[in-house]
Amino acid sequence: ESVIIEEAEDEEQLKERVESGAIDGGLVLPRDFDEKLKQNK
């Protein structure tokens, strides 16, 4: 198995992809997730 990372335009598009079976699941992360992670917050 492998993990493929794709970016959805918004939460609704992500839901549509999951419901249609195009993808198995997804995560919704805040826009500043990377910055907060770097700052260890």
N, C-alpha and C. Protein backbone atom coordinates (compact mmCIF):
# COMPACT_ATOMS: atom_id res chain seq x y z
N GLU A 1 0.83 -1.18 0.00
CA GLU A 1 0.00 0.00 0.00
C GLU A 1 0.87 1.24 0.00
N SER A 2 0.25 2.34 -0.36
CA SER A 2 0.97 3.61 -0.37
C SER A 2 0.04 4.73 0.06
N VAL A 3 0.62 5.85 0.37
CA VAL A 3 -0.14 7.04 0.74
C VAL A 3 0.07 8.08 -0.36
N ILE A 4 -1.02 8.56 -0.90
CA ILE A 4 -0.96 9.59 -1.93
C ILE A 4 -1.57 10.85 -1.35
N ILE A 5 -0.85 11.94 -1.44
CA ILE A 5 -1.32 13.21 -0.89
C ILE A 5 -1.88 14.07 -2.01
N GLU A 6 -3.11 14.50 -1.84
CA GLU A 6 -3.78 15.39 -2.78
C GLU A 6 -4.37 16.55 -2.00
N GLU A 7 -4.48 17.68 -2.63
CA GLU A 7 -5.06 18.85 -1.98
C GLU A 7 -6.44 19.11 -2.56
N ALA A 8 -7.42 19.27 -1.70
CA ALA A 8 -8.77 19.61 -2.14
C ALA A 8 -8.95 21.12 -2.02
N GLU A 9 -9.83 21.66 -2.84
CA GLU A 9 -10.09 23.10 -2.81
C GLU A 9 -10.73 23.54 -1.50
N ASP A 10 -11.64 22.70 -0.98
CA ASP A 10 -12.33 23.04 0.26
C ASP A 10 -12.88 21.76 0.89
N GLU A 11 -13.49 21.91 2.05
CA GLU A 11 -14.01 20.76 2.78
C GLU A 11 -15.11 20.05 2.00
N GLU A 12 -15.93 20.80 1.29
CA GLU A 12 -17.01 20.20 0.50
C GLU A 12 -16.45 19.29 -0.59
N GLN A 13 -15.41 19.73 -1.28
CA GLN A 13 -14.80 18.91 -2.32
C GLN A 13 -14.22 17.63 -1.72
N LEU A 14 -13.62 17.75 -0.56
CA LEU A 14 -13.08 16.57 0.12
C LEU A 14 -14.20 15.59 0.45
N LYS A 15 -15.30 16.09 0.98
CA LYS A 15 -16.44 15.22 1.31
C LYS A 15 -16.96 14.52 0.06
N GLU A 16 -17.07 15.26 -1.04
CA GLU A 16 -17.57 14.67 -2.29
C GLU A 16 -16.65 13.54 -2.77
N ARG A 17 -15.35 13.74 -2.68
CA ARG A 17 -14.40 12.71 -3.11
C ARG A 17 -14.50 11.46 -2.25
N VAL A 18 -14.66 11.65 -0.94
CA VAL A 18 -14.79 10.50 -0.04
C VAL A 18 -16.10 9.76 -0.33
N GLU A 19 -17.19 10.50 -0.42
CA GLU A 19 -18.50 9.88 -0.65
C GLU A 19 -18.58 9.16 -1.98
N SER A 20 -17.88 9.65 -3.00
CA SER A 20 -17.92 9.00 -4.31
C SER A 20 -16.98 7.80 -4.39
N GLY A 21 -16.12 7.65 -3.38
CA GLY A 21 -15.18 6.54 -3.39
C GLY A 21 -13.88 6.85 -4.12
N ALA A 22 -13.72 8.09 -4.56
CA ALA A 22 -12.49 8.48 -5.27
C ALA A 22 -11.28 8.40 -4.35
N ILE A 23 -11.50 8.66 -3.06
CA ILE A 23 -10.44 8.54 -2.06
C ILE A 23 -11.02 7.85 -0.83
N ASP A 24 -10.15 7.29 0.00
CA ASP A 24 -10.61 6.57 1.19
C ASP A 24 -10.90 7.49 2.37
N GLY A 25 -10.22 8.62 2.46
CA GLY A 25 -10.42 9.52 3.59
C GLY A 25 -9.58 10.75 3.41
N GLY A 26 -9.68 11.64 4.38
CA GLY A 26 -8.91 12.87 4.29
C GLY A 26 -8.85 13.60 5.61
N LEU A 27 -8.04 14.63 5.63
CA LEU A 27 -7.88 15.48 6.80
C LEU A 27 -8.12 16.92 6.41
N VAL A 28 -8.73 17.66 7.31
CA VAL A 28 -8.88 19.10 7.12
C VAL A 28 -7.95 19.76 8.13
N LEU A 29 -6.96 20.47 7.61
CA LEU A 29 -5.97 21.13 8.46
C LEU A 29 -6.11 22.64 8.31
N PRO A 30 -5.89 23.39 9.40
CA PRO A 30 -5.95 24.84 9.29
C PRO A 30 -4.84 25.37 8.40
N ARG A 31 -5.06 26.52 7.80
CA ARG A 31 -4.07 27.10 6.88
C ARG A 31 -2.71 27.29 7.52
N ASP A 32 -2.68 27.62 8.80
CA ASP A 32 -1.41 27.88 9.48
C ASP A 32 -0.84 26.64 10.18
N PHE A 33 -1.30 25.46 9.80
CA PHE A 33 -0.86 24.22 10.44
C PHE A 33 0.66 24.06 10.41
N ASP A 34 1.27 24.26 9.25
CA ASP A 34 2.72 24.10 9.12
C ASP A 34 3.48 25.04 10.05
N GLU A 35 3.04 26.30 10.08
CA GLU A 35 3.72 27.30 10.91
C GLU A 35 3.60 26.95 12.39
N LYS A 36 2.42 26.56 12.82
CA LYS A 36 2.23 26.19 14.23
C LYS A 36 3.05 24.95 14.57
N LEU A 37 3.14 24.01 13.65
CA LEU A 37 3.93 22.81 13.87
C LEU A 37 5.40 23.17 14.04
N LYS A 38 5.89 24.07 13.20
CA LYS A 38 7.28 24.52 13.31
C LYS A 38 7.53 25.22 14.64
N GLN A 39 6.52 25.93 15.15
CA GLN A 39 6.65 26.64 16.41
C GLN A 39 6.33 25.74 17.61
N ASN A 40 5.97 24.49 17.33
CA ASN A 40 5.65 23.50 18.36
C ASN A 40 4.47 23.96 19.22
N LYS A 41 3.41 24.45 18.58
CA LYS A 41 2.21 24.90 19.30
C LYS A 41 1.06 23.99 19.03
